[in-house]
Protein backbone atom coordinates (compact mmCIF):
# COMPACT_ATOMS: atom_id res chain seq x y z
CA MET A 1 -43.83 141.68 209.12
CA ALA A 2 -46.76 140.07 207.67
CA PRO A 3 -46.61 136.62 205.68
CA PRO A 4 -47.28 137.32 202.13
CA PRO A 5 -50.85 136.62 201.00
CA GLN A 6 -51.94 133.14 199.45
CA SER A 7 -53.20 133.48 196.03
CA SER A 8 -56.35 132.09 194.88
CA ASP A 9 -54.89 131.19 191.57
CA ALA A 10 -53.36 127.69 192.96
CA ALA A 11 -53.53 124.95 190.44
CA PRO A 12 -56.66 122.57 190.73
CA ARG A 13 -56.02 118.92 191.84
CA THR A 14 -56.17 116.59 189.06
CA PRO A 15 -57.90 113.13 189.80
CA ALA A 16 -55.71 110.39 189.78
CA PRO A 17 -56.14 107.83 186.40
CA PRO A 18 -58.45 104.97 186.95
CA VAL A 19 -56.64 101.62 187.90
CA PRO A 20 -57.10 99.52 185.07
CA ASP A 21 -59.18 96.11 185.67
CA ARG A 22 -56.52 92.90 185.68
CA ARG A 23 -58.80 89.81 185.84
CA PRO A 24 -58.63 87.70 183.02
CA ARG A 25 -61.18 87.91 180.28
CA PRO A 26 -63.98 85.00 179.96
CA MET A 27 -63.27 82.14 178.01
CA VAL A 28 -65.94 82.96 175.49
CA GLU A 29 -64.42 86.38 174.75
CA ARG A 30 -60.95 84.84 174.30
CA LEU A 31 -62.24 82.50 172.06
CA GLY A 32 -64.10 85.22 169.88
CA MET A 33 -61.20 87.50 169.85
CA ALA A 34 -58.69 84.63 168.92
CA GLY A 35 -61.51 83.49 165.69
CA ILE A 36 -61.39 87.08 164.42
CA ALA A 37 -57.54 87.17 164.66
CA LEU A 38 -57.48 84.02 162.82
CA VAL A 39 -60.04 85.57 159.73
CA LEU A 40 -57.46 88.21 159.61
CA ALA A 41 -54.70 86.24 159.51
CA ALA A 42 -56.15 84.42 156.59
CA LEU A 43 -56.85 87.19 154.93
CA PHE A 44 -53.04 88.70 155.22
CA ALA A 45 -52.01 85.19 153.87
CA VAL A 46 -54.39 85.36 150.87
CA VAL A 47 -52.82 88.65 150.40
CA ALA A 48 -49.36 86.90 150.36
CA VAL A 49 -50.39 84.30 148.17
CA ALA A 50 -51.58 86.58 145.65
CA ALA A 51 -48.65 88.93 145.71
CA PHE A 52 -46.32 86.14 145.65
CA ALA A 53 -48.17 84.90 142.57
CA GLY A 54 -48.21 88.49 140.85
CA GLY A 55 -44.65 88.91 141.21
CA GLU A 56 -44.35 91.33 143.88
CA PRO A 57 -42.17 89.68 146.57
CA PHE A 58 -42.10 92.69 148.84
CA LEU A 59 -45.53 92.82 149.17
CA GLY A 60 -45.87 89.00 149.57
CA VAL A 61 -43.16 89.01 152.42
CA MET A 62 -45.12 92.02 153.91
CA GLY A 63 -48.25 89.83 153.88
CA VAL A 64 -46.48 86.97 155.60
CA ILE A 65 -45.02 89.28 158.38
CA GLY A 66 -48.91 90.46 158.80
CA CYS A 67 -50.18 87.11 159.22
CA LEU A 68 -47.67 85.80 161.43
CA MET A 69 -48.15 88.97 163.98
CA VAL A 70 -51.90 88.51 164.20
CA VAL A 71 -51.60 84.74 164.52
CA TRP A 72 -49.12 85.84 167.39
CA VAL A 73 -51.00 88.43 169.11
CA GLY A 74 -54.64 85.90 168.85
CA GLY A 75 -52.37 83.48 170.59
CA LEU A 76 -51.49 85.64 173.30
CA THR A 77 -55.02 86.91 173.56
CA LEU A 78 -56.11 83.50 173.79
CA PHE A 79 -53.54 81.79 176.28
CA ARG A 80 -52.56 84.90 178.63
CA GLY A 81 -56.26 86.12 178.75
């Protein structure tokens, strides 16, 4: 008995995904990104103050949370690279 014929519609091989670059970012880039984070955090803080002054406590709390999250991520970017 002969072996079954090989089909030519075998799935093509997909290339492996590229390996991400794990080198730390340059200090200039980290300082720039942390500066942008500070500007965005200040904007969230302004929203929070305006919301609390306008009698919208939920929006104020959300503004404070946004401010803290942006400061946190900016700090991680600056200190961890």
